[in-house]
All heavy atoms as atom14 arrays in JSON, in Angstrom:
{
  "sequence": "QGHAGKPSPRGLLAAMSRSDALPAHTAMLGDKLLTDMLAASRAGVLAL",
  "atom14_mask": [
    [1, 1, 1, 1, 1, 1, 1, 1, 1, 0, 0, 0, 0, 0],
    [1, 1, 1, 1, 0, 0, 0, 0, 0, 0, 0, 0, 0, 0],
    [1, 1, 1, 1, 1, 1, 1, 1, 1, 1, 0, 0, 0, 0],
    [1, 1, 1, 1, 1, 0, 0, 0, 0, 0, 0, 0, 0, 0],
    [1, 1, 1, 1, 0, 0, 0, 0, 0, 0, 0, 0, 0, 0],
    [1, 1, 1, 1, 1, 1, 1, 1, 1, 0, 0, 0, 0, 0],
    [1, 1, 1, 1, 1, 1, 1, 0, 0, 0, 0, 0, 0, 0],
    [1, 1, 1, 1, 1, 1, 0, 0, 0, 0, 0, 0, 0, 0],
    [1, 1, 1, 1, 1, 1, 1, 0, 0, 0, 0, 0, 0, 0],
    [1, 1, 1, 1, 1, 1, 1, 1, 1, 1, 1, 0, 0, 0],
    [1, 1, 1, 1, 0, 0, 0, 0, 0, 0, 0, 0, 0, 0],
    [1, 1, 1, 1, 1, 1, 1, 1, 0, 0, 0, 0, 0, 0],
    [1, 1, 1, 1, 1, 1, 1, 1, 0, 0, 0, 0, 0, 0],
    [1, 1, 1, 1, 1, 0, 0, 0, 0, 0, 0, 0, 0, 0],
    [1, 1, 1, 1, 1, 0, 0, 0, 0, 0, 0, 0, 0, 0],
    [1, 1, 1, 1, 1, 1, 1, 1, 0, 0, 0, 0, 0, 0],
    [1, 1, 1, 1, 1, 1, 0, 0, 0, 0, 0, 0, 0, 0],
    [1, 1, 1, 1, 1, 1, 1, 1, 1, 1, 1, 0, 0, 0],
    [1, 1, 1, 1, 1, 1, 0, 0, 0, 0, 0, 0, 0, 0],
    [1, 1, 1, 1, 1, 1, 1, 1, 0, 0, 0, 0, 0, 0],
    [1, 1, 1, 1, 1, 0, 0, 0, 0, 0, 0, 0, 0, 0],
    [1, 1, 1, 1, 1, 1, 1, 1, 0, 0, 0, 0, 0, 0],
    [1, 1, 1, 1, 1, 1, 1, 0, 0, 0, 0, 0, 0, 0],
    [1, 1, 1, 1, 1, 0, 0, 0, 0, 0, 0, 0, 0, 0],
    [1, 1, 1, 1, 1, 1, 1, 1, 1, 1, 0, 0, 0, 0],
    [1, 1, 1, 1, 1, 1, 1, 0, 0, 0, 0, 0, 0, 0],
    [1, 1, 1, 1, 1, 0, 0, 0, 0, 0, 0, 0, 0, 0],
    [1, 1, 1, 1, 1, 1, 1, 1, 0, 0, 0, 0, 0, 0],
    [1, 1, 1, 1, 1, 1, 1, 1, 0, 0, 0, 0, 0, 0],
    [1, 1, 1, 1, 0, 0, 0, 0, 0, 0, 0, 0, 0, 0],
    [1, 1, 1, 1, 1, 1, 1, 1, 0, 0, 0, 0, 0, 0],
    [1, 1, 1, 1, 1, 1, 1, 1, 1, 0, 0, 0, 0, 0],
    [1, 1, 1, 1, 1, 1, 1, 1, 0, 0, 0, 0, 0, 0],
    [1, 1, 1, 1, 1, 1, 1, 1, 0, 0, 0, 0, 0, 0],
    [1, 1, 1, 1, 1, 1, 1, 0, 0, 0, 0, 0, 0, 0],
    [1, 1, 1, 1, 1, 1, 1, 1, 0, 0, 0, 0, 0, 0],
    [1, 1, 1, 1, 1, 1, 1, 1, 0, 0, 0, 0, 0, 0],
    [1, 1, 1, 1, 1, 1, 1, 1, 0, 0, 0, 0, 0, 0],
    [1, 1, 1, 1, 1, 0, 0, 0, 0, 0, 0, 0, 0, 0],
    [1, 1, 1, 1, 1, 0, 0, 0, 0, 0, 0, 0, 0, 0],
    [1, 1, 1, 1, 1, 1, 0, 0, 0, 0, 0, 0, 0, 0],
    [1, 1, 1, 1, 1, 1, 1, 1, 1, 1, 1, 0, 0, 0],
    [1, 1, 1, 1, 1, 0, 0, 0, 0, 0, 0, 0, 0, 0],
    [1, 1, 1, 1, 0, 0, 0, 0, 0, 0, 0, 0, 0, 0],
    [1, 1, 1, 1, 1, 1, 1, 0, 0, 0, 0, 0, 0, 0],
    [1, 1, 1, 1, 1, 1, 1, 1, 0, 0, 0, 0, 0, 0],
    [1, 1, 1, 1, 1, 0, 0, 0, 0, 0, 0, 0, 0, 0],
    [1, 1, 1, 1, 1, 1, 1, 1, 0, 0, 0, 0, 0, 0]
  ],
  "atom14_positions": [
    [[0.51, -0.74, 10.54], [1.04, -2.03, 10.03], [2.54, -1.85, 9.95], [3.05, -1.09, 9.16], [0.42, -2.3, 8.61], [0.87, -3.59, 7.99], [0.3, -4.77, 8.75], [-0.86, -4.81, 9.14], [1.16, -5.78, 9.01], [0.0, 0.0, 0.0], [0.0, 0.0, 0.0], [0.0, 0.0, 0.0], [0.0, 0.0, 0.0], [0.0, 0.0, 0.0]],
    [[3.23, -2.55, 10.81], [4.69, -2.43, 10.85], [5.39, -3.44, 9.99], [4.77, -4.35, 9.48], [0.0, 0.0, 0.0], [0.0, 0.0, 0.0], [0.0, 0.0, 0.0], [0.0, 0.0, 0.0], [0.0, 0.0, 0.0], [0.0, 0.0, 0.0], [0.0, 0.0, 0.0], [0.0, 0.0, 0.0], [0.0, 0.0, 0.0], [0.0, 0.0, 0.0]],
    [[6.7, -3.28, 9.85], [7.5, -4.19, 9.02], [6.82, -4.48, 7.68], [6.68, -5.6, 7.26], [7.8, -5.47, 9.79], [8.41, -5.25, 11.1], [9.76, -4.9, 11.27], [7.92, -5.34, 12.38], [10.0, -4.75, 12.55], [8.92, -5.01, 13.27], [0.0, 0.0, 0.0], [0.0, 0.0, 0.0], [0.0, 0.0, 0.0], [0.0, 0.0, 0.0]],
    [[6.36, -3.43, 7.06], [5.55, -3.54, 5.84], [6.28, -4.09, 4.65], [5.64, -4.64, 3.76], [4.98, -2.17, 5.46], [0.0, 0.0, 0.0], [0.0, 0.0, 0.0], [0.0, 0.0, 0.0], [0.0, 0.0, 0.0], [0.0, 0.0, 0.0], [0.0, 0.0, 0.0], [0.0, 0.0, 0.0], [0.0, 0.0, 0.0], [0.0, 0.0, 0.0]],
    [[7.6, -3.95, 4.6], [8.37, -4.54, 3.5], [8.17, -3.8, 2.17], [8.37, -4.39, 1.1], [0.0, 0.0, 0.0], [0.0, 0.0, 0.0], [0.0, 0.0, 0.0], [0.0, 0.0, 0.0], [0.0, 0.0, 0.0], [0.0, 0.0, 0.0], [0.0, 0.0, 0.0], [0.0, 0.0, 0.0], [0.0, 0.0, 0.0], [0.0, 0.0, 0.0]],
    [[7.76, -2.52, 2.21], [7.59, -1.77, 0.96], [8.98, -1.76, 0.22], [9.96, -1.58, 0.86], [7.14, -0.34, 1.27], [5.78, -0.25, 1.91], [5.41, 1.19, 2.31], [6.23, 1.62, 3.5], [5.94, 2.99, 3.95], [0.0, 0.0, 0.0], [0.0, 0.0, 0.0], [0.0, 0.0, 0.0], [0.0, 0.0, 0.0], [0.0, 0.0, 0.0]],
    [[9.0, -2.01, -1.03], [7.94, -1.89, -2.04], [7.09, -3.11, -2.27], [6.22, -3.1, -3.13], [8.74, -1.59, -3.31], [10.01, -2.3, -3.14], [10.31, -2.22, -1.67], [0.0, 0.0, 0.0], [0.0, 0.0, 0.0], [0.0, 0.0, 0.0], [0.0, 0.0, 0.0], [0.0, 0.0, 0.0], [0.0, 0.0, 0.0], [0.0, 0.0, 0.0]],
    [[7.28, -4.17, -1.5], [6.36, -5.3, -1.58], [4.97, -4.8, -1.21], [4.83, -3.95, -0.31], [6.78, -6.39, -0.61], [5.74, -7.36, -0.46], [0.0, 0.0, 0.0], [0.0, 0.0, 0.0], [0.0, 0.0, 0.0], [0.0, 0.0, 0.0], [0.0, 0.0, 0.0], [0.0, 0.0, 0.0], [0.0, 0.0, 0.0], [0.0, 0.0, 0.0]],
    [[3.93, -5.3, -1.86], [2.58, -4.86, -1.51], [2.03, -5.53, -0.26], [0.96, -5.17, 0.23], [1.77, -5.28, -2.74], [2.47, -6.44, -3.29], [3.96, -6.16, -3.05], [0.0, 0.0, 0.0], [0.0, 0.0, 0.0], [0.0, 0.0, 0.0], [0.0, 0.0, 0.0], [0.0, 0.0, 0.0], [0.0, 0.0, 0.0], [0.0, 0.0, 0.0]],
    [[2.76, -6.45, 0.34], [2.2, -7.28, 1.43], [1.73, -6.47, 2.65], [0.68, -6.75, 3.22], [3.13, -8.38, 1.85], [4.38, -7.96, 2.55], [5.27, -9.15, 2.95], [6.63, -8.77, 3.13], [7.13, -8.29, 4.26], [6.35, -8.18, 5.29], [8.41, -7.97, 4.33], [0.0, 0.0, 0.0], [0.0, 0.0, 0.0], [0.0, 0.0, 0.0]],
    [[2.5, -5.43, 3.02], [2.07, -4.6, 4.14], [0.82, -3.82, 3.85], [-0.07, -3.71, 4.7], [0.0, 0.0, 0.0], [0.0, 0.0, 0.0], [0.0, 0.0, 0.0], [0.0, 0.0, 0.0], [0.0, 0.0, 0.0], [0.0, 0.0, 0.0], [0.0, 0.0, 0.0], [0.0, 0.0, 0.0], [0.0, 0.0, 0.0], [0.0, 0.0, 0.0]],
    [[0.7, -3.33, 2.64], [-0.57, -2.62, 2.23], [-1.73, -3.54, 2.19], [-2.83, -3.22, 2.66], [-0.36, -1.92, 0.92], [0.39, -0.58, 0.91], [1.82, -0.7, 1.29], [0.24, 0.14, -0.42], [0.0, 0.0, 0.0], [0.0, 0.0, 0.0], [0.0, 0.0, 0.0], [0.0, 0.0, 0.0], [0.0, 0.0, 0.0], [0.0, 0.0, 0.0]],
    [[-1.52, -4.74, 1.63], [-2.58, -5.73, 1.56], [-3.02, -6.17, 2.94], [-4.23, -6.3, 3.21], [-2.14, -6.91, 0.71], [-1.85, -6.61, -0.75], [-1.21, -7.83, -1.44], [-3.05, -6.14, -1.5], [0.0, 0.0, 0.0], [0.0, 0.0, 0.0], [0.0, 0.0, 0.0], [0.0, 0.0, 0.0], [0.0, 0.0, 0.0], [0.0, 0.0, 0.0]],
    [[-2.08, -6.33, 3.89], [-2.42, -6.71, 5.27], [-3.24, -5.59, 5.91], [-4.19, -5.89, 6.63], [-1.14, -7.01, 6.06], [0.0, 0.0, 0.0], [0.0, 0.0, 0.0], [0.0, 0.0, 0.0], [0.0, 0.0, 0.0], [0.0, 0.0, 0.0], [0.0, 0.0, 0.0], [0.0, 0.0, 0.0], [0.0, 0.0, 0.0], [0.0, 0.0, 0.0]],
    [[-2.83, -4.34, 5.69], [-3.56, -3.2, 6.25], [-4.97, -3.12, 5.72], [-5.91, -2.88, 6.45], [-2.79, -1.87, 5.97], [0.0, 0.0, 0.0], [0.0, 0.0, 0.0], [0.0, 0.0, 0.0], [0.0, 0.0, 0.0], [0.0, 0.0, 0.0], [0.0, 0.0, 0.0], [0.0, 0.0, 0.0], [0.0, 0.0, 0.0], [0.0, 0.0, 0.0]],
    [[-5.1, -3.35, 4.4], [-6.43, -3.33, 3.79], [-7.32, -4.44, 4.38], [-8.5, -4.28, 4.65], [-6.35, -3.41, 2.28], [-5.9, -2.15, 1.62], [-5.95, -2.21, -0.19], [-4.48, -3.18, -0.54], [0.0, 0.0, 0.0], [0.0, 0.0, 0.0], [0.0, 0.0, 0.0], [0.0, 0.0, 0.0], [0.0, 0.0, 0.0], [0.0, 0.0, 0.0]],
    [[-6.71, -5.65, 4.56], [-7.43, -6.76, 5.14], [-7.9, -6.44, 6.55], [-9.04, -6.71, 6.91], [-6.54, -8.01, 5.13], [-7.2, -9.06, 5.7], [0.0, 0.0, 0.0], [0.0, 0.0, 0.0], [0.0, 0.0, 0.0], [0.0, 0.0, 0.0], [0.0, 0.0, 0.0], [0.0, 0.0, 0.0], [0.0, 0.0, 0.0], [0.0, 0.0, 0.0]],
    [[-7.04, -5.83, 7.34], [-7.38, -5.44, 8.7], [-8.53, -4.44, 8.73], [-9.33, -4.4, 9.63], [-6.19, -4.84, 9.4], [-5.14, -5.86, 9.77], [-3.91, -5.2, 10.38], [-4.2, -4.47, 11.6], [-3.35, -3.62, 12.15], [-2.15, -3.43, 11.63], [-3.69, -2.95, 13.22], [0.0, 0.0, 0.0], [0.0, 0.0, 0.0], [0.0, 0.0, 0.0]],
    [[-8.56, -3.6, 7.7], [-9.59, -2.53, 7.59], [-10.81, -2.93, 6.81], [-11.75, -2.15, 6.62], [-8.98, -1.28, 7.02], [-7.89, -0.82, 7.8], [0.0, 0.0, 0.0], [0.0, 0.0, 0.0], [0.0, 0.0, 0.0], [0.0, 0.0, 0.0], [0.0, 0.0, 0.0], [0.0, 0.0, 0.0], [0.0, 0.0, 0.0], [0.0, 0.0, 0.0]],
    [[-10.77, -4.15, 6.24], [-11.84, -4.66, 5.39], [-12.11, -3.72, 4.26], [-13.25, -3.34, 3.92], [-13.12, -4.85, 6.21], [-14.09, -5.8, 5.52], [-13.61, -6.66, 4.71], [-15.31, -5.68, 5.77], [0.0, 0.0, 0.0], [0.0, 0.0, 0.0], [0.0, 0.0, 0.0], [0.0, 0.0, 0.0], [0.0, 0.0, 0.0], [0.0, 0.0, 0.0]],
    [[-11.01, -3.27, 3.58], [-11.11, -2.31, 2.49], [-10.58, -2.97, 1.19], [-9.69, -3.82, 1.21], [-10.29, -1.04, 2.79], [0.0, 0.0, 0.0], [0.0, 0.0, 0.0], [0.0, 0.0, 0.0], [0.0, 0.0, 0.0], [0.0, 0.0, 0.0], [0.0, 0.0, 0.0], [0.0, 0.0, 0.0], [0.0, 0.0, 0.0], [0.0, 0.0, 0.0]],
    [[-11.12, -2.55, 0.07], [-10.7, -3.01, -1.24], [-9.69, -2.02, -1.83], [-9.71, -0.81, -1.52], [-11.91, -3.1, -2.18], [-12.98, -4.08, -1.77], [-14.21, -3.88, -2.67], [-12.45, -5.5, -1.85], [0.0, 0.0, 0.0], [0.0, 0.0, 0.0], [0.0, 0.0, 0.0], [0.0, 0.0, 0.0], [0.0, 0.0, 0.0], [0.0, 0.0, 0.0]],
    [[-8.79, -2.48, -2.7], [-7.83, -1.6, -3.32], [-8.48, -0.39, -4.03], [-7.93, 0.72, -3.98], [-7.1, -2.52, -4.33], [-7.19, -3.87, -3.72], [-8.54, -3.91, -3.08], [0.0, 0.0, 0.0], [0.0, 0.0, 0.0], [0.0, 0.0, 0.0], [0.0, 0.0, 0.0], [0.0, 0.0, 0.0], [0.0, 0.0, 0.0], [0.0, 0.0, 0.0]],
    [[-9.59, -0.58, -4.65], [-10.26, 0.51, -5.35], [-10.71, 1.63, -4.43], [-10.96, 2.77, -4.86], [-11.48, -0.03, -6.1], [0.0, 0.0, 0.0], [0.0, 0.0, 0.0], [0.0, 0.0, 0.0], [0.0, 0.0, 0.0], [0.0, 0.0, 0.0], [0.0, 0.0, 0.0], [0.0, 0.0, 0.0], [0.0, 0.0, 0.0], [0.0, 0.0, 0.0]],
    [[-10.78, 1.36, -3.13], [-11.24, 2.37, -2.15], [-10.09, 2.76, -1.22], [-10.38, 3.3, -0.13], [-12.42, 1.83, -1.37], [-13.56, 1.46, -2.22], [-14.33, 2.4, -2.9], [-14.07, 0.25, -2.57], [-15.27, 1.79, -3.6], [-15.11, 0.49, -3.43], [0.0, 0.0, 0.0], [0.0, 0.0, 0.0], [0.0, 0.0, 0.0], [0.0, 0.0, 0.0]],
    [[-8.88, 2.48, -1.63], [-7.71, 2.72, -0.76], [-6.68, 3.59, -1.48], [-6.47, 3.47, -2.69], [-7.06, 1.37, -0.38], [-8.04, 0.56, 0.3], [-5.9, 1.6, 0.6], [0.0, 0.0, 0.0], [0.0, 0.0, 0.0], [0.0, 0.0, 0.0], [0.0, 0.0, 0.0], [0.0, 0.0, 0.0], [0.0, 0.0, 0.0], [0.0, 0.0, 0.0]],
    [[-6.01, 4.46, -0.7], [-4.87, 5.26, -1.23], [-3.72, 5.09, -0.3], [-3.86, 4.82, 0.89], [-5.28, 6.76, -1.35], [0.0, 0.0, 0.0], [0.0, 0.0, 0.0], [0.0, 0.0, 0.0], [0.0, 0.0, 0.0], [0.0, 0.0, 0.0], [0.0, 0.0, 0.0], [0.0, 0.0, 0.0], [0.0, 0.0, 0.0], [0.0, 0.0, 0.0]],
    [[-2.52, 5.2, -0.87], [-1.28, 5.18, -0.09], [-0.58, 6.51, -0.22], [-0.4, 7.0, -1.36], [-0.35, 4.04, -0.6], [1.01, 4.0, 0.03], [0.9, 3.57, 1.78], [2.48, 4.13, 2.36], [0.0, 0.0, 0.0], [0.0, 0.0, 0.0], [0.0, 0.0, 0.0], [0.0, 0.0, 0.0], [0.0, 0.0, 0.0], [0.0, 0.0, 0.0]],
    [[-0.23, 7.11, 0.91], [0.46, 8.38, 0.95], [1.9, 8.18, 1.38], [2.18, 7.48, 2.36], [-0.24, 9.3, 1.94], [0.41, 10.61, 2.27], [0.53, 11.5, 1.06], [-0.37, 11.33, 3.4], [0.0, 0.0, 0.0], [0.0, 0.0, 0.0], [0.0, 0.0, 0.0], [0.0, 0.0, 0.0], [0.0, 0.0, 0.0], [0.0, 0.0, 0.0]],
    [[2.8, 8.73, 0.62], [4.22, 8.59, 0.98], [5.11, 9.58, 0.29], [4.66, 10.39, -0.51], [0.0, 0.0, 0.0], [0.0, 0.0, 0.0], [0.0, 0.0, 0.0], [0.0, 0.0, 0.0], [0.0, 0.0, 0.0], [0.0, 0.0, 0.0], [0.0, 0.0, 0.0], [0.0, 0.0, 0.0], [0.0, 0.0, 0.0], [0.0, 0.0, 0.0]],
    [[6.39, 9.57, 0.59], [7.33, 10.53, 0.09], [8.36, 9.91, -0.83], [9.16, 10.62, -1.43], [8.03, 11.26, 1.21], [8.96, 10.33, 1.99], [8.46, 9.38, 2.62], [10.16, 10.58, 2.0], [0.0, 0.0, 0.0], [0.0, 0.0, 0.0], [0.0, 0.0, 0.0], [0.0, 0.0, 0.0], [0.0, 0.0, 0.0], [0.0, 0.0, 0.0]],
    [[8.41, 8.58, -0.97], [9.44, 7.94, -1.78], [8.85, 7.05, -2.89], [7.9, 6.3, -2.68], [10.3, 7.05, -0.89], [11.19, 7.86, 0.05], [12.08, 6.99, 0.88], [12.82, 7.79, 1.94], [11.88, 8.47, 2.85], [0.0, 0.0, 0.0], [0.0, 0.0, 0.0], [0.0, 0.0, 0.0], [0.0, 0.0, 0.0], [0.0, 0.0, 0.0]],
    [[9.39, 7.25, -4.08], [8.96, 6.46, -5.23], [9.3, 4.98, -5.09], [8.46, 4.12, -5.4], [9.65, 7.01, -6.51], [9.22, 8.39, -6.97], [10.1, 8.82, -8.14], [7.77, 8.41, -7.36], [0.0, 0.0, 0.0], [0.0, 0.0, 0.0], [0.0, 0.0, 0.0], [0.0, 0.0, 0.0], [0.0, 0.0, 0.0], [0.0, 0.0, 0.0]],
    [[10.49, 4.64, -4.67], [10.97, 3.26, -4.68], [10.4, 2.42, -3.55], [10.55, 1.2, -3.58], [12.5, 3.18, -4.62], [13.19, 3.71, -5.88], [14.69, 3.74, -5.68], [12.82, 2.92, -7.08], [0.0, 0.0, 0.0], [0.0, 0.0, 0.0], [0.0, 0.0, 0.0], [0.0, 0.0, 0.0], [0.0, 0.0, 0.0], [0.0, 0.0, 0.0]],
    [[9.73, 3.02, -2.6], [9.08, 2.25, -1.55], [7.59, 2.49, -1.59], [6.79, 1.62, -1.97], [9.68, 2.56, -0.19], [9.56, 3.98, 0.04], [11.08, 2.07, -0.02], [0.0, 0.0, 0.0], [0.0, 0.0, 0.0], [0.0, 0.0, 0.0], [0.0, 0.0, 0.0], [0.0, 0.0, 0.0], [0.0, 0.0, 0.0], [0.0, 0.0, 0.0]],
    [[7.13, 3.69, -1.25], [5.75, 4.02, -1.05], [4.93, 3.94, -2.38], [3.88, 3.28, -2.43], [5.56, 5.37, -0.44], [6.35, 5.51, 0.86], [6.28, 4.61, 1.69], [7.04, 6.53, 1.04], [0.0, 0.0, 0.0], [0.0, 0.0, 0.0], [0.0, 0.0, 0.0], [0.0, 0.0, 0.0], [0.0, 0.0, 0.0], [0.0, 0.0, 0.0]],
    [[5.41, 4.62, -3.39], [4.65, 4.68, -4.66], [4.7, 3.34, -5.38], [3.7, 2.9, -5.94], [5.19, 5.81, -5.58], [5.07, 7.2, -4.97], [3.36, 7.68, -4.49], [3.39, 7.4, -2.72], [0.0, 0.0, 0.0], [0.0, 0.0, 0.0], [0.0, 0.0, 0.0], [0.0, 0.0, 0.0], [0.0, 0.0, 0.0], [0.0, 0.0, 0.0]],
    [[5.8, 2.66, -5.35], [5.88, 1.36, -5.99], [5.02, 0.34, -5.26], [4.31, -0.47, -5.89], [7.34, 0.86, -6.08], [7.57, -0.45, -6.82], [6.97, -0.42, -8.21], [9.09, -0.73, -6.85], [0.0, 0.0, 0.0], [0.0, 0.0, 0.0], [0.0, 0.0, 0.0], [0.0, 0.0, 0.0], [0.0, 0.0, 0.0], [0.0, 0.0, 0.0]],
    [[5.0, 0.35, -3.92], [4.12, -0.51, -3.18], [2.67, -0.21, -3.5], [1.83, -1.15, -3.67], [4.35, -0.39, -1.67], [0.0, 0.0, 0.0], [0.0, 0.0, 0.0], [0.0, 0.0, 0.0], [0.0, 0.0, 0.0], [0.0, 0.0, 0.0], [0.0, 0.0, 0.0], [0.0, 0.0, 0.0], [0.0, 0.0, 0.0], [0.0, 0.0, 0.0]],
    [[2.3, 1.05, -3.58], [0.92, 1.43, -3.93], [0.56, 0.89, -5.31], [-0.53, 0.31, -5.51], [0.79, 2.95, -3.89], [0.0, 0.0, 0.0], [0.0, 0.0, 0.0], [0.0, 0.0, 0.0], [0.0, 0.0, 0.0], [0.0, 0.0, 0.0], [0.0, 0.0, 0.0], [0.0, 0.0, 0.0], [0.0, 0.0, 0.0], [0.0, 0.0, 0.0]],
    [[1.44, 1.1, -6.26], [1.18, 0.59, -7.61], [1.0, -0.93, -7.61], [0.07, -1.45, -8.21], [2.39, 0.98, -8.5], [2.28, 0.36, -9.76], [0.0, 0.0, 0.0], [0.0, 0.0, 0.0], [0.0, 0.0, 0.0], [0.0, 0.0, 0.0], [0.0, 0.0, 0.0], [0.0, 0.0, 0.0], [0.0, 0.0, 0.0], [0.0, 0.0, 0.0]],
    [[1.86, -1.62, -6.93], [1.81, -3.08, -6.92], [0.57, -3.62, -6.19], [0.07, -4.71, -6.48], [3.07, -3.66, -6.28], [4.31, -3.34, -7.16], [5.57, -3.85, -6.57], [5.58, -5.3, -6.64], [6.37, -6.04, -5.87], [7.19, -5.48, -4.98], [6.34, -7.35, -5.96], [0.0, 0.0, 0.0], [0.0, 0.0, 0.0], [0.0, 0.0, 0.0]],
    [[0.08, -2.84, -5.21], [-1.13, -3.25, -4.48], [-2.41, -2.79, -5.17], [-3.49, -3.15, -4.76], [-1.1, -2.65, -3.04], [0.0, 0.0, 0.0], [0.0, 0.0, 0.0], [0.0, 0.0, 0.0], [0.0, 0.0, 0.0], [0.0, 0.0, 0.0], [0.0, 0.0, 0.0], [0.0, 0.0, 0.0], [0.0, 0.0, 0.0], [0.0, 0.0, 0.0]],
    [[-2.29, -1.98, -6.23], [-3.44, -1.54, -6.98], [-4.23, -0.4, -6.32], [-5.42, -0.3, -6.52], [0.0, 0.0, 0.0], [0.0, 0.0, 0.0], [0.0, 0.0, 0.0], [0.0, 0.0, 0.0], [0.0, 0.0, 0.0], [0.0, 0.0, 0.0], [0.0, 0.0, 0.0], [0.0, 0.0, 0.0], [0.0, 0.0, 0.0], [0.0, 0.0, 0.0]],
    [[-3.54, 0.41, -5.48], [-4.21, 1.49, -4.8], [-3.74, 2.84, -5.36], [-2.72, 2.92, -6.03], [-3.97, 1.43, -3.27], [-4.4, 0.08, -2.72], [-2.54, 1.73, -2.89], [0.0, 0.0, 0.0], [0.0, 0.0, 0.0], [0.0, 0.0, 0.0], [0.0, 0.0, 0.0], [0.0, 0.0, 0.0], [0.0, 0.0, 0.0], [0.0, 0.0, 0.0]],
    [[-4.49, 3.9, -5.08], [-4.16, 5.23, -5.53], [-2.85, 5.66, -4.85], [-2.73, 5.57, -3.62], [-5.3, 6.17, -5.16], [-5.2, 7.63, -5.66], [-5.39, 7.65, -7.18], [-6.28, 8.48, -4.98], [0.0, 0.0, 0.0], [0.0, 0.0, 0.0], [0.0, 0.0, 0.0], [0.0, 0.0, 0.0], [0.0, 0.0, 0.0], [0.0, 0.0, 0.0]],
    [[-1.9, 6.14, -5.63], [-0.56, 6.51, -5.13], [-0.48, 8.03, -4.98], [-0.46, 8.75, -5.97], [0.51, 6.0, -6.06], [0.0, 0.0, 0.0], [0.0, 0.0, 0.0], [0.0, 0.0, 0.0], [0.0, 0.0, 0.0], [0.0, 0.0, 0.0], [0.0, 0.0, 0.0], [0.0, 0.0, 0.0], [0.0, 0.0, 0.0], [0.0, 0.0, 0.0]],
    [[-0.44, 8.51, -3.71], [-0.38, 9.93, -3.45], [1.01, 10.25, -2.85], [1.39, 9.67, -1.83], [-1.42, 10.33, -2.42], [-2.87, 9.93, -2.8], [-3.84, 10.34, -1.67], [-3.29, 10.57, -4.1], [0.0, 0.0, 0.0], [0.0, 0.0, 0.0], [0.0, 0.0, 0.0], [0.0, 0.0, 0.0], [0.0, 0.0, 0.0], [0.0, 0.0, 0.0]]
  ]
}
């Protein structure tokens, strides 16, 4: 999922929609708090 716009959750939500996955069954892996972890938090997914 390109142009994700993190920390907005929209890229994560689009990826979950494409994969037919729910936030409760999804994790986001990243190296930055202000983009990856904040997007994960806002999308309601496990932040790794």
